[in-house]
Amino acid sequence: TFELILANHQRLSFCYLDIPEPLLQLSFANDIARLDHIWDDAGPKWDPKDCATVSSIKGVPVALCYWQE
């Protein structure tokens, strides 16, 4: 079991099987501004709806900055 503490102080507990397979390849070459919307959930441009289309666990959008953990 893993646990992340998100920027809003929400604790997200999950196991490996809760992590879905990626549905698409990510590229920001043509839209670098989008990276700012999904990279950091503490950032001023954070967009949880956009992030949810790319990265979520158990229905919770997970900013890309957490994937290194």
Protein backbone atom coordinates (compact mmCIF):
# COMPACT_ATOMS: atom_id res chain seq x y z
CA THR A 1 0.00 0.00 0.00
CA PHE A 2 1.17 3.50 -0.88
CA GLU A 3 0.03 6.87 0.37
CA LEU A 4 0.27 10.33 -1.13
CA ILE A 5 -0.60 13.55 0.65
CA LEU A 6 -1.92 15.91 -1.98
CA ALA A 7 -1.64 19.71 -1.91
CA ASN A 8 -5.16 20.03 -0.46
CA HIS A 9 -4.01 17.77 2.43
CA GLN A 10 -6.10 14.87 1.15
CA ARG A 11 -4.52 11.50 1.86
CA LEU A 12 -4.74 9.08 -1.03
CA SER A 13 -4.05 5.47 -0.11
CA PHE A 14 -3.76 2.99 -2.94
CA CYS A 15 -2.12 -0.21 -4.04
CA TYR A 16 -0.34 -0.99 -7.26
CA LEU A 17 -3.49 -2.46 -8.81
CA ASP A 18 -5.35 0.86 -8.30
CA ILE A 19 -3.04 2.58 -10.79
CA PRO A 20 -4.67 2.40 -14.22
CA GLU A 21 -2.75 1.74 -17.41
CA PRO A 22 -2.16 4.96 -19.36
CA LEU A 23 -4.82 5.54 -21.99
CA LEU A 24 -2.68 7.76 -24.17
CA GLN A 25 0.84 9.00 -24.69
CA LEU A 26 1.57 12.43 -23.32
CA SER A 27 3.26 15.09 -25.36
CA PHE A 28 3.46 18.77 -24.57
CA ALA A 29 5.40 19.71 -27.69
CA ASN A 30 2.41 21.50 -29.20
CA ASP A 31 0.82 22.71 -25.95
CA ILE A 32 3.48 23.39 -23.31
CA ALA A 33 1.01 25.54 -21.31
CA ARG A 34 -1.06 22.41 -20.59
CA LEU A 35 1.82 20.97 -18.59
CA ASP A 36 1.36 23.78 -16.06
CA HIS A 37 -2.29 22.75 -15.62
CA ILE A 38 -1.54 19.15 -14.69
CA TRP A 39 1.99 19.22 -13.22
CA ASP A 40 1.47 20.64 -9.71
CA ASP A 41 -1.76 20.64 -7.73
CA ALA A 42 -0.44 23.49 -5.57
CA GLY A 43 0.20 25.70 -8.60
CA PRO A 44 -2.04 28.65 -9.54
CA LYS A 45 -2.99 27.11 -12.91
CA TRP A 46 -3.85 23.64 -11.54
CA ASP A 47 -6.82 22.17 -13.40
CA PRO A 48 -8.08 18.97 -11.74
CA LYS A 49 -10.57 18.27 -14.55
CA ASP A 50 -7.82 18.35 -17.17
CA CYS A 51 -5.50 16.33 -14.95
CA ALA A 52 -8.18 13.67 -14.40
CA THR A 53 -8.16 12.95 -18.14
CA VAL A 54 -4.48 12.05 -17.90
CA SER A 55 -3.67 10.92 -14.38
CA SER A 56 -5.99 9.72 -11.64
CA ILE A 57 -6.04 7.02 -9.01
CA LYS A 58 -9.33 5.81 -7.54
CA GLY A 59 -11.08 8.75 -9.25
CA VAL A 60 -8.77 11.35 -7.70
CA PRO A 61 -6.72 13.54 -10.08
CA VAL A 62 -3.01 13.07 -9.30
CA ALA A 63 -0.63 15.81 -10.46
CA LEU A 64 2.29 14.59 -12.51
CA CYS A 65 4.80 15.88 -9.95
CA TYR A 66 3.80 13.00 -7.62
CA TRP A 67 4.69 10.26 -10.07
CA GLN A 68 8.35 10.49 -9.11
CA GLU A 69 7.38 9.39 -5.59
